PDB file of N, CA and C in Angstrom:
ATOM      1  N   MET A   1     -94.530  49.596  -6.721  1.00  0.00           N
ATOM      2  CA  MET A   1     -95.186  49.702  -7.905  1.00  0.00           C
ATOM      3  C   MET A   1     -95.987  48.516  -8.079  1.00  0.00           C
ATOM      4  N   GLN A   2     -97.201  48.994  -8.336  1.00  0.00           N
ATOM      5  CA  GLN A   2     -98.515  47.880  -8.482  1.00  0.00           C
ATOM      6  C   GLN A   2     -98.766  47.504 -10.060  1.00  0.00           C
ATOM      7  N   ILE A   3     -99.410  46.450 -10.176  1.00  0.00           N
ATOM      8  CA  ILE A   3     -99.533  46.097 -11.630  1.00  0.00           C
ATOM      9  C   ILE A   3    -100.558  47.139 -12.223  1.00  0.00           C
ATOM     10  N   ASN A   4    -101.236  47.780 -11.511  1.00  0.00           N
ATOM     11  CA  ASN A   4    -102.219  48.640 -12.383  1.00  0.00           C
ATOM     12  C   ASN A   4    -101.168  49.824 -12.930  1.00  0.00           C
ATOM     13  N   ASP A   5    -100.124  50.072 -12.188  1.00  0.00           N
ATOM     14  CA  ASP A   5     -99.071  51.171 -12.831  1.00  0.00           C
ATOM     15  C   ASP A   5     -98.643  50.691 -13.873  1.00  0.00           C
ATOM     16  N   LEU A   6     -98.088  49.513 -14.447  1.00  0.00           N
ATOM     17  CA  LEU A   6     -97.714  48.748 -15.248  1.00  0.00           C
ATOM     18  C   LEU A   6     -98.127  48.635 -16.719  1.00  0.00           C
ATOM     19  N   PHE A   7     -99.652  48.119 -16.344  1.00  0.00           N
ATOM     20  CA  PHE A   7    -100.055  47.653 -17.397  1.00  0.00           C
ATOM     21  C   PHE A   7    -101.291  48.224 -17.780  1.00  0.00           C
ATOM     22  N   GLU A   8    -101.951  48.165 -18.923  1.00  0.00           N
ATOM     23  CA  GLU A   8    -103.313  48.721 -19.322  1.00  0.00           C
ATOM     24  C   GLU A   8    -104.323  47.822 -18.563  1.00  0.00           C
ATOM     25  N   PRO A   9    -105.340  48.259 -18.195  1.00  0.00           N
ATOM     26  CA  PRO A   9    -106.331  47.495 -17.330  1.00  0.00           C
ATOM     27  C   PRO A   9    -106.956  46.113 -17.661  1.00  0.00           C
ATOM     28  N   PHE A  10    -106.976  45.838 -18.938  1.00  0.00           N
ATOM     29  CA  PHE A  10    -107.271  44.559 -19.567  1.00  0.00           C
ATOM     30  C   PHE A  10    -106.372  43.546 -19.226  1.00  0.00           C
ATOM     31  N   ILE A  11    -104.926  44.002 -19.064  1.00  0.00           N
ATOM     32  CA  ILE A  11    -103.573  43.176 -18.787  1.00  0.00           C
ATOM     33  C   ILE A  11    -103.667  42.652 -17.379  1.00  0.00           C
ATOM     34  N   ALA A  12    -103.644  43.977 -16.743  1.00  0.00           N
ATOM     35  CA  ALA A  12    -103.491  43.874 -15.008  1.00  0.00           C
ATOM     36  C   ALA A  12    -104.805  43.085 -14.695  1.00  0.00           C
ATOM     37  N   ASP A  13    -105.927  43.069 -15.199  1.00  0.00           N
ATOM     38  CA  ASP A  13    -107.092  42.558 -14.691  1.00  0.00           C
ATOM     39  C   ASP A  13    -106.872  40.863 -14.942  1.00  0.00           C
ATOM     40  N   SER A  14    -106.329  40.703 -16.095  1.00  0.00           N
ATOM     41  CA  SER A  14    -106.011  39.242 -16.543  1.00  0.00           C
ATOM     42  C   SER A  14    -104.871  38.461 -15.381  1.00  0.00           C
ATOM     43  N   LEU A  15    -104.060  39.321 -15.275  1.00  0.00           N
ATOM     44  CA  LEU A  15    -103.070  39.007 -14.242  1.00  0.00           C
ATOM     45  C   LEU A  15    -103.462  38.623 -12.783  1.00  0.00           C
ATOM     46  N   LYS A  16    -104.446  39.681 -12.449  1.00  0.00           N
ATOM     47  CA  LYS A  16    -105.122  39.629 -11.109  1.00  0.00           C
ATOM     48  C   LYS A  16    -105.897  38.149 -11.078  1.00  0.00           C
ATOM     49  N   GLU A  17    -106.291  37.875 -12.011  1.00  0.00           N
ATOM     50  CA  GLU A  17    -107.495  36.690 -11.985  1.00  0.00           C
ATOM     51  C   GLU A  17    -106.418  35.459 -12.152  1.00  0.00           C
ATOM     52  N   ALA A  18    -105.432  35.640 -13.021  1.00  0.00           N
ATOM     53  CA  ALA A  18    -104.640  34.342 -13.218  1.00  0.00           C
ATOM     54  C   ALA A  18    -103.920  34.025 -12.044  1.00  0.00           C
ATOM     55  N   LEU A  19    -103.380  34.923 -11.448  1.00  0.00           N
ATOM     56  CA  LEU A  19    -102.301  34.509 -10.279  1.00  0.00           C
ATOM     57  C   LEU A  19    -102.907  33.565  -9.360  1.00  0.00           C
ATOM     58  N   PRO A  20    -104.079  33.748  -8.557  1.00  0.00           N
ATOM     59  CA  PRO A  20    -104.784  32.904  -7.887  1.00  0.00           C
ATOM     60  C   PRO A  20    -104.866  31.585  -8.532  1.00  0.00           C
ATOM     61  N   LEU A  21    -105.202  31.440  -9.759  1.00  0.00           N
ATOM     62  CA  LEU A  21    -105.435  30.249 -10.536  1.00  0.00           C
ATOM     63  C   LEU A  21    -104.145  29.566 -10.439  1.00  0.00           C
ATOM     64  N   ILE A  22    -103.118  30.187 -10.866  1.00  0.00           N
ATOM     65  CA  ILE A  22    -101.769  29.455 -10.710  1.00  0.00           C
ATOM     66  C   ILE A  22    -101.138  28.986  -9.390  1.00  0.00           C
ATOM     67  N   ASP A  23    -101.816  29.688  -8.375  1.00  0.00           N
ATOM     68  CA  ASP A  23    -101.332  29.322  -6.805  1.00  0.00           C
ATOM     69  C   ASP A  23    -102.115  28.093  -6.506  1.00  0.00           C
ATOM     70  N   ARG A  24    -103.263  27.725  -7.125  1.00  0.00           N
ATOM     71  CA  ARG A  24    -104.011  26.339  -6.693  1.00  0.00           C
ATOM     72  C   ARG A  24    -103.155  25.216  -7.156  1.00  0.00           C
ATOM     73  N   LYS A  25    -102.333  25.499  -8.332  1.00  0.00           N
ATOM     74  CA  LYS A  25    -101.662  24.333  -8.579  1.00  0.00           C
ATOM     75  C   LYS A  25    -100.009  24.377  -8.254  1.00  0.00           C
ATOM     76  N   LEU A  26     -99.457  25.569  -7.991  1.00  0.00           N
ATOM     77  CA  LEU A  26     -97.973  25.800  -7.395  1.00  0.00           C
ATOM     78  C   LEU A  26     -98.312  26.577  -6.259  1.00  0.00           C
ATOM     79  N   LYS A  27     -98.753  25.617  -4.996  1.00  0.00           N
ATOM     80  CA  LYS A  27     -99.095  26.227  -3.729  1.00  0.00           C
ATOM     81  C   LYS A  27     -97.689  27.095  -3.396  1.00  0.00           C
ATOM     82  N   GLY A  28     -98.098  28.485  -2.774  1.00  0.00           N
ATOM     83  CA  GLY A  28     -96.967  29.334  -2.499  1.00  0.00           C
ATOM     84  C   GLY A  28     -96.841  30.571  -3.466  1.00  0.00           C
ATOM     85  N   PHE A  29     -97.212  30.319  -4.858  1.00  0.00           N
ATOM     86  CA  PHE A  29     -96.905  31.072  -5.940  1.00  0.00           C
ATOM     87  C   PHE A  29     -97.594  32.439  -5.732  1.00  0.00           C
ATOM     88  N   ALA A  30     -98.705  32.674  -4.970  1.00  0.00           N
ATOM     89  CA  ALA A  30     -99.355  33.947  -4.966  1.00  0.00           C
ATOM     90  C   ALA A  30     -99.151  34.229  -3.490  1.00  0.00           C
ATOM     91  N   HIS A  31     -98.141  33.687  -2.680  1.00  0.00           N
ATOM     92  CA  HIS A  31     -98.107  34.068  -1.367  1.00  0.00           C
ATOM     93  C   HIS A  31     -98.141  35.648  -0.890  1.00  0.00           C
ATOM     94  N   PRO A  32     -98.578  35.966   0.159  1.00  0.00           N
ATOM     95  CA  PRO A  32     -98.669  37.415   0.265  1.00  0.00           C
ATOM     96  C   PRO A  32     -97.394  38.225   0.109  1.00  0.00           C
ATOM     97  N   ASP A  33     -96.255  37.417   0.757  1.00  0.00           N
ATOM     98  CA  ASP A  33     -94.936  38.156   0.376  1.00  0.00           C
ATOM     99  C   ASP A  33     -94.358  37.887  -0.891  1.00  0.00           C
ATOM    100  N   ALA A  34     -94.635  37.253  -1.843  1.00  0.00           N
ATOM    101  CA  ALA A  34     -94.336  36.787  -3.120  1.00  0.00           C
ATOM    102  C   ALA A  34     -94.209  38.167  -4.002  1.00  0.00           C
ATOM    103  N   LEU A  35     -93.116  38.580  -4.557  1.00  0.00           N
ATOM    104  CA  LEU A  35     -92.817  39.683  -5.356  1.00  0.00           C
ATOM    105  C   LEU A  35     -93.097  39.055  -6.775  1.00  0.00           C
ATOM    106  N   LEU A  36     -93.591  39.799  -7.612  1.00  0.00           N
ATOM    107  CA  LEU A  36     -93.982  39.614  -9.328  1.00  0.00           C
ATOM    108  C   LEU A  36     -92.985  40.658  -9.732  1.00  0.00           C
ATOM    109  N   THR A  37     -91.896  40.067 -10.000  1.00  0.00           N
ATOM    110  CA  THR A  37     -90.741  41.021 -10.472  1.00  0.00           C
ATOM    111  C   THR A  37     -90.450  41.017 -12.059  1.00  0.00           C
ATOM    112  N   ALA A  38     -90.996  40.062 -12.635  1.00  0.00           N
ATOM    113  CA  ALA A  38     -91.183  40.382 -14.165  1.00  0.00           C
ATOM    114  C   ALA A  38     -92.220  39.575 -14.990  1.00  0.00           C
ATOM    115  N   VAL A  39     -92.399  39.888 -15.979  1.00  0.00           N
ATOM    116  CA  VAL A  39     -93.389  39.004 -16.765  1.00  0.00           C
ATOM    117  C   VAL A  39     -92.968  38.560 -17.921  1.00  0.00           C
ATOM    118  N   GLU A  40     -92.584  37.375 -18.119  1.00  0.00           N
ATOM    119  CA  GLU A  40     -92.029  36.444 -19.107  1.00  0.00           C
ATOM    120  C   GLU A  40     -92.986  36.474 -20.410  1.00  0.00           C
ATOM    121  N   SER A  41     -92.412  36.840 -21.486  1.00  0.00           N
ATOM    122  CA  SER A  41     -93.188  36.921 -22.651  1.00  0.00           C
ATOM    123  C   SER A  41     -92.606  35.903 -23.303  1.00  0.00           C
ATOM    124  N   ARG A  42     -93.683  35.245 -24.416  1.00  0.00           N
ATOM    125  CA  ARG A  42     -92.946  34.327 -25.254  1.00  0.00           C
ATOM    126  C   ARG A  42     -92.732  34.625 -26.655  1.00  0.00           C
ATOM    127  N   SER A  43     -91.777  34.648 -27.269  1.00  0.00           N
ATOM    128  CA  SER A  43     -91.899  35.010 -28.900  1.00  0.00           C
ATOM    129  C   SER A  43     -90.697  33.994 -29.394  1.00  0.00           C
ATOM    130  N   SER A  44     -90.646  34.088 -30.589  1.00  0.00           N
ATOM    131  CA  SER A  44     -89.893  33.199 -31.334  1.00  0.00           C
ATOM    132  C   SER A  44     -88.564  33.840 -31.945  1.00  0.00           C
ATOM    133  N   SER A  45     -87.629  33.420 -32.237  1.00  0.00           N
ATOM    134  CA  SER A  45     -86.476  34.411 -33.049  1.00  0.00           C
ATOM    135  C   SER A  45     -87.141  35.019 -34.196  1.00  0.00           C
ATOM    136  N   PRO A  46     -86.586  36.135 -34.489  1.00  0.00           N
ATOM    137  CA  PRO A  46     -87.122  36.767 -35.901  1.00  0.00           C
ATOM    138  C   PRO A  46     -86.103  36.312 -36.802  1.00  0.00           C
ATOM    139  N   VAL A  47     -85.164  35.867 -36.546  1.00  0.00           N
ATOM    140  CA  VAL A  47     -84.254  35.201 -37.434  1.00  0.00           C
ATOM    141  C   VAL A  47     -83.694  33.674 -37.617  1.00  0.00           C
ATOM    142  N   ARG A  48     -83.535  33.205 -38.522  1.00  0.00           N
ATOM    143  CA  ARG A  48     -83.010  31.525 -38.020  1.00  0.00           C
ATOM    144  C   ARG A  48     -81.556  31.460 -38.859  1.00  0.00           C
ATOM    145  N   ILE A  49     -80.604  30.766 -38.090  1.00  0.00           N
ATOM    146  CA  ILE A  49     -79.377  30.336 -38.742  1.00  0.00           C
ATOM    147  C   ILE A  49     -79.387  29.132 -39.301  1.00  0.00           C
ATOM    148  N   ILE A  50     -79.562  29.277 -40.674  1.00  0.00           N
ATOM    149  CA  ILE A  50     -79.264  28.137 -41.593  1.00  0.00           C
ATOM    150  C   ILE A  50     -78.302  27.031 -41.275  1.00  0.00           C
ATOM    151  N   ARG A  51     -78.992  25.668 -41.061  1.00  0.00           N
ATOM    152  CA  ARG A  51     -78.047  24.622 -40.926  1.00  0.00           C
ATOM    153  C   ARG A  51     -78.346  23.527 -41.789  1.00  0.00           C
ATOM    154  N   ASP A  52     -77.323  22.553 -42.359  1.00  0.00           N
ATOM    155  CA  ASP A  52     -77.725  21.563 -42.932  1.00  0.00           C
ATOM    156  C   ASP A  52     -78.173  20.263 -42.218  1.00  0.00           C
ATOM    157  N   GLU A  53     -78.044  19.127 -42.942  1.00  0.00           N
ATOM    158  CA  GLU A  53     -78.767  17.777 -42.628  1.00  0.00           C
ATOM    159  C   GLU A  53     -78.332  17.519 -41.191  1.00  0.00           C
ATOM    160  N   ARG A  54     -76.985  17.736 -40.941  1.00  0.00           N
ATOM    161  CA  ARG A  54     -76.346  17.445 -39.636  1.00  0.00           C
ATOM    162  C   ARG A  54     -76.641  18.333 -38.450  1.00  0.00           C
ATOM    163  N   MET A  55     -77.119  19.354 -38.758  1.00  0.00           N
ATOM    164  CA  MET A  55     -77.778  20.348 -37.992  1.00  0.00           C
ATOM    165  C   MET A  55     -76.385  21.367 -37.598  1.00  0.00           C
ATOM    166  N   GLN A  56     -75.518  21.413 -38.496  1.00  0.00           N
ATOM    167  CA  GLN A  56     -74.437  22.155 -38.577  1.00  0.00           C
ATOM    168  C   GLN A  56     -74.575  23.564 -39.408  1.00  0.00           C
ATOM    169  N   SER A  57     -74.249  24.739 -38.805  1.00  0.00           N
ATOM    170  CA  SER A  57     -74.343  26.025 -39.724  1.00  0.00           C
ATOM    171  C   SER A  57     -73.763  25.812 -40.940  1.00  0.00           C
ATOM    172  N   ILE A  58     -74.362  26.312 -41.810  1.00  0.00           N
ATOM    173  CA  ILE A  58     -73.702  26.109 -43.252  1.00  0.00           C
ATOM    174  C   ILE A  58     -72.750  27.258 -43.364  1.00  0.00           C
ATOM    175  N   SER A  59     -72.880  27.889 -42.678  1.00  0.00           N
ATOM    176  CA  SER A  59     -71.686  29.098 -42.915  1.00  0.00           C
ATOM    177  C   SER A  59     -70.580  29.280 -41.887  1.00  0.00           C
ATOM    178  N   LEU A  60     -70.751  28.680 -40.791  1.00  0.00           N
ATOM    179  CA  LEU A  60     -69.386  28.516 -39.861  1.00  0.00           C
ATOM    180  C   LEU A  60     -69.499  27.006 -39.264  1.00  0.00           C
ATOM    181  N   LYS A  61     -68.792  26.099 -40.050  1.00  0.00           N
ATOM    182  CA  LYS A  61     -68.463  24.910 -39.454  1.00  0.00           C
ATOM    183  C   LYS A  61     -68.210  24.670 -38.083  1.00  0.00           C
ATOM    184  N   GLY A  62     -68.607  23.689 -37.554  1.00  0.00           N
ATOM    185  CA  GLY A  62     -68.426  23.418 -36.015  1.00  0.00           C
ATOM    186  C   GLY A  62     -69.563  24.176 -35.202  1.00  0.00           C
ATOM    187  N   LEU A  63     -70.266  25.040 -35.689  1.00  0.00           N
ATOM    188  CA  LEU A  63     -71.430  25.471 -34.981  1.00  0.00           C
ATOM    189  C   LEU A  63     -72.527  24.953 -34.895  1.00  0.00           C
ATOM    190  N   TYR A  64     -73.578  24.567 -34.060  1.00  0.00           N
ATOM    191  CA  TYR A  64     -74.771  23.868 -34.230  1.00  0.00           C
ATOM    192  C   TYR A  64     -75.808  24.739 -33.721  1.00  0.00           C
ATOM    193  N   PRO A  65     -76.309  25.402 -34.545  1.00  0.00           N
ATOM    194  CA  PRO A  65     -77.452  26.484 -34.152  1.00  0.00           C
ATOM    195  C   PRO A  65     -78.532  25.868 -33.705  1.00  0.00           C
ATOM    196  N   CYS A  66     -79.182  26.001 -32.577  1.00  0.00           N
ATOM    197  CA  CYS A  66     -80.229  25.129 -31.835  1.00  0.00           C
ATOM    198  C   CYS A  66     -81.146  25.998 -31.253  1.00  0.00           C
ATOM    199  N   GLY A  67     -82.370  25.563 -30.863  1.00  0.00           N
ATOM    200  CA  GLY A  67     -83.087  26.424 -29.839  1.00  0.00           C
ATOM    201  C   GLY A  67     -83.803  27.476 -30.372  1.00  0.00           C
ATOM    202  N   GLU A  68     -84.270  28.343 -29.551  1.00  0.00           N
ATOM    203  CA  GLU A  68     -85.061  29.623 -29.901  1.00  0.00           C
ATOM    204  C   GLU A  68     -84.164  30.718 -30.480  1.00  0.00           C
ATOM    205  N   GLY A  69     -83.262  30.885 -29.930  1.00  0.00           N
ATOM    206  CA  GLY A  69     -82.498  32.073 -30.143  1.00  0.00           C
ATOM    207  C   GLY A  69     -81.750  31.570 -31.839  1.00  0.00           C
ATOM    208  N   ALA A  70     -81.724  30.643 -32.212  1.00  0.00           N
ATOM    209  CA  ALA A  70     -81.356  30.197 -33.685  1.00  0.00           C
ATOM    210  C   ALA A  70     -82.629  30.105 -34.420  1.00  0.00           C
ATOM    211  N   GLY A  71     -83.737  30.139 -33.902  1.00  0.00           N
ATOM    212  CA  GLY A  71     -85.006  30.186 -34.823  1.00  0.00           C
ATOM    213  C   GLY A  71     -85.393  28.839 -34.913  1.00  0.00           C
ATOM    214  N   TYR A  72     -85.008  27.715 -34.132  1.00  0.00           N
ATOM    215  CA  TYR A  72     -85.756  26.352 -34.409  1.00  0.00           C
ATOM    216  C   TYR A  72     -86.629  25.924 -33.303  1.00  0.00           C
ATOM    217  N   ALA A  73     -87.185  26.621 -32.399  1.00  0.00           N
ATOM    218  CA  ALA A  73     -87.802  26.452 -31.336  1.00  0.00           C
ATOM    219  C   ALA A  73     -88.683  27.491 -31.174  1.00  0.00           C
ATOM    220  N   GLY A  74     -90.135  27.295 -30.445  1.00  0.00           N
ATOM    221  CA  GLY A  74     -90.912  28.270 -29.872  1.00  0.00           C
ATOM    222  C   GLY A  74     -91.129  28.198 -28.373  1.00  0.00           C
ATOM    223  N   GLY A  75     -90.464  27.414 -27.749  1.00  0.00           N
ATOM    224  CA  GLY A  75     -90.522  27.298 -26.161  1.00  0.00           C
ATOM    225  C   GLY A  75     -89.507  26.737 -25.834  1.00  0.00           C
ATOM    226  N   ILE A  76     -89.630  26.363 -24.393  1.00  0.00           N
ATOM    227  CA  ILE A  76     -88.555  25.654 -23.685  1.00  0.00           C
ATOM    228  C   ILE A  76     -88.606  24.272 -23.895  1.00  0.00           C
ATOM    229  N   VAL A  77     -89.379  23.699 -24.186  1.00  0.00           N
ATOM    230  CA  VAL A  77     -89.479  22.164 -24.189  1.00  0.00           C
ATOM    231  C   VAL A  77     -89.107  22.078 -25.756  1.00  0.00           C
ATOM    232  N   SER A  78     -89.531  22.712 -26.605  1.00  0.00           N
ATOM    233  CA  SER A  78     -89.227  22.469 -28.079  1.00  0.00           C
ATOM    234  C   SER A  78     -87.718  22.917 -28.105  1.00  0.00           C
ATOM    235  N   ALA A  79     -87.262  23.783 -27.514  1.00  0.00           N
ATOM    236  CA  ALA A  79     -85.768  24.320 -27.653  1.00  0.00           C
ATOM    237  C   ALA A  79     -84.835  23.174 -26.897  1.00  0.00           C
ATOM    238  N   ALA A  80     -85.339  22.364 -25.722  1.00  0.00           N
ATOM    239  CA  ALA A  80     -84.826  21.473 -25.267  1.00  0.00           C
ATOM    240  C   ALA A  80     -84.930  20.180 -26.120  1.00  0.00           C
ATOM    241  N   VAL A  81     -85.504  19.768 -26.808  1.00  0.00           N
ATOM    242  CA  VAL A  81     -85.723  18.659 -27.674  1.00  0.00           C
ATOM    243  C   VAL A  81     -84.675  18.995 -29.062  1.00  0.00           C
ATOM    244  N   ASP A  82     -84.852  20.183 -29.574  1.00  0.00           N
ATOM    245  CA  ASP A  82     -83.710  20.798 -30.381  1.00  0.00           C
ATOM    246  C   ASP A  82     -82.493  20.596 -29.956  1.00  0.00           C
ATOM    247  N   GLY A  83     -82.013  21.050 -28.905  1.00  0.00           N
ATOM    248  CA  GLY A  83     -80.770  20.934 -28.249  1.00  0.00           C
ATOM    249  C   GLY A  83     -80.260  19.457 -28.373  1.00  0.00           C
ATOM    250  N   ILE A  84     -81.263  18.256 -27.887  1.00  0.00           N
ATOM    251  CA  ILE A  84     -80.823  17.023 -27.767  1.00  0.00           C
ATOM    252  C   ILE A  84     -80.594  16.454 -29.253  1.00  0.00           C
ATOM    253  N   LYS A  85     -81.567  16.898 -30.046  1.00  0.00           N
ATOM    254  CA  LYS A  85     -80.956  16.388 -31.320  1.00  0.00           C
ATOM    255  C   LYS A  85     -79.761  16.803 -31.998  1.00  0.00           C
ATOM    256  N   ALA A  86     -79.442  18.133 -31.644  1.00  0.00           N
ATOM    257  CA  ALA A  86     -77.904  18.492 -31.916  1.00  0.00           C
ATOM    258  C   ALA A  86     -76.941  18.007 -31.411  1.00  0.00           C
ATOM    259  N   ALA A  87     -77.293  17.573 -30.184  1.00  0.00           N
ATOM    260  CA  ALA A  87     -76.110  16.674 -29.261  1.00  0.00           C
ATOM    261  C   ALA A  87     -75.867  15.423 -29.945  1.00  0.00           C
ATOM    262  N   GLU A  88     -76.903  14.916 -30.262  1.00  0.00           N
ATOM    263  CA  GLU A  88     -77.035  13.749 -31.042  1.00  0.00           C
ATOM    264  C   GLU A  88     -76.012  13.839 -32.156  1.00  0.00           C
ATOM    265  N   LYS A  89     -76.464  14.932 -33.216  1.00  0.00           N
ATOM    266  CA  LYS A  89     -75.490  14.968 -34.225  1.00  0.00           C
ATOM    267  C   LYS A  89     -74.030  14.868 -33.955  1.00  0.00           C
ATOM    268  N   ILE A  90     -73.853  15.833 -32.821  1.00  0.00           N
ATOM    269  CA  ILE A  90     -72.316  16.017 -32.512  1.00  0.00           C
ATOM    270  C   ILE A  90     -71.786  14.860 -32.199  1.00  0.00           C
ATOM    271  N   LEU A  91     -72.535  14.101 -31.422  1.00  0.00           N
ATOM    272  CA  LEU A  91     -71.870  12.565 -31.139  1.00  0.00           C
ATOM    273  C   LEU A  91     -71.818  11.900 -32.167  1.00  0.00           C
ATOM    274  N   GLN A  92     -72.467  11.825 -33.142  1.00  0.00           N
ATOM    275  CA  GLN A  92     -72.382  10.917 -34.500  1.00  0.00           C
ATOM    276  C   GLN A  92     -71.220  11.476 -35.274  1.00  0.00           C
ATOM    277  N   SER A  93     -70.717  12.798 -35.282  1.00  0.00           N
ATOM    278  CA  SER A  93     -69.522  13.078 -36.029  1.00  0.00           C
ATOM    279  C   SER A  93     -68.232  12.812 -35.561  1.00  0.00           C
TER     280      SER A  93
END
Protein backbone atom coordinates (compact mmCIF):
# COMPACT_ATOMS: atom_id res chain seq x y z
CA MET A 1 0.00 0.00 0.00
CA GLN A 2 1.29 3.46 -0.82
CA ILE A 3 0.98 6.77 1.04
CA ASN A 4 -1.33 8.00 -1.70
CA ASP A 5 -3.71 5.12 -0.94
CA LEU A 6 -3.98 6.06 2.73
CA PHE A 7 -4.14 9.84 2.83
CA GLU A 8 -5.65 12.80 1.07
CA PRO A 9 -3.20 14.44 -1.36
CA PHE A 10 -2.33 17.35 0.95
CA ILE A 11 -1.27 14.91 3.70
CA ALA A 12 0.53 12.50 1.37
CA ASP A 13 2.40 15.35 -0.29
CA SER A 14 3.44 16.76 3.10
CA LEU A 15 4.78 13.36 4.18
CA LYS A 16 6.66 12.89 0.93
CA GLU A 17 8.28 16.27 1.41
CA ALA A 18 9.04 15.77 5.11
CA LEU A 19 10.60 12.31 5.02
CA PRO A 20 13.75 13.33 3.10
CA LEU A 21 14.13 16.34 5.41
CA ILE A 22 14.01 14.06 8.45
CA ASP A 23 16.56 11.78 6.75
CA ARG A 24 19.03 14.67 6.66
CA LYS A 25 19.03 14.74 10.47
CA LEU A 26 18.48 11.00 11.07
CA LYS A 27 20.59 9.25 8.45
CA GLY A 28 18.89 6.11 7.18
CA PHE A 29 15.40 7.25 8.19
CA ALA A 30 14.32 7.35 4.55
CA HIS A 31 16.39 4.37 3.44
CA PRO A 32 14.95 2.72 0.30
CA ASP A 33 14.31 -0.47 2.28
CA ALA A 34 12.64 1.35 5.20
CA LEU A 35 8.94 0.86 5.77
CA LEU A 36 6.57 3.48 7.09
CA THR A 37 4.34 1.28 9.21
CA ALA A 38 2.36 3.88 11.13
CA VAL A 39 1.93 7.56 11.56
CA GLU A 40 2.15 8.79 15.13
CA SER A 41 -0.33 11.45 16.02
CA ARG A 42 -0.18 13.67 19.04
CA SER A 43 -3.18 14.42 21.15
CA SER A 44 -3.79 15.00 24.79
CA SER A 45 -6.07 12.94 26.96
CA PRO A 46 -9.69 14.09 26.86
CA VAL A 47 -9.98 13.37 30.58
CA ARG A 48 -7.98 14.29 33.65
CA ILE A 49 -7.66 12.17 36.78
CA ILE A 50 -7.82 14.72 39.57
CA ARG A 51 -4.93 14.60 42.01
CA ASP A 52 -4.09 16.44 45.22
CA GLU A 53 -1.03 18.55 46.09
CA ARG A 54 0.94 15.34 46.69
CA MET A 55 0.08 14.24 43.11
CA GLN A 56 -2.05 11.41 44.49
CA SER A 57 -5.49 10.62 43.12
CA ILE A 58 -8.23 12.20 45.22
CA SER A 59 -10.51 9.22 44.64
CA LEU A 60 -8.06 6.31 44.94
CA LYS A 61 -5.30 6.66 47.51
CA GLY A 62 -1.99 5.17 46.45
CA LEU A 63 -2.58 6.02 42.77
CA TYR A 64 -0.33 8.71 41.33
CA PRO A 65 -1.85 9.67 37.97
CA CYS A 66 0.72 11.28 35.74
CA GLY A 67 1.65 11.85 32.12
CA GLU A 68 -0.49 12.02 29.02
CA GLY A 69 -2.97 9.28 29.86
CA ALA A 70 -3.92 10.99 33.11
CA GLY A 71 -4.30 14.36 31.39
CA TYR A 72 -1.18 16.04 32.79
CA ALA A 73 1.09 16.21 29.75
CA GLY A 74 0.97 16.86 26.04
CA GLY A 75 4.02 15.00 24.79
CA ILE A 76 6.78 12.59 25.67
CA VAL A 77 9.05 15.14 27.37
CA SER A 78 6.35 16.74 29.49
CA ALA A 79 5.06 13.26 30.38
CA ALA A 80 8.55 12.26 31.51
CA VAL A 81 8.89 15.39 33.63
CA ASP A 82 5.49 14.79 35.20
CA GLY A 83 6.52 11.19 35.96
CA ILE A 84 9.69 12.39 37.66
CA LYS A 85 7.68 14.81 39.79
CA ALA A 86 5.28 12.01 40.76
CA ALA A 87 8.23 9.75 41.66
CA GLU A 88 9.68 12.49 43.86
CA LYS A 89 6.34 12.81 45.71
CA ILE A 90 6.21 9.04 46.20
CA LEU A 91 9.74 9.07 47.66
CA GLN A 92 8.78 11.89 50.02
CA SER A 93 5.79 9.98 51.40
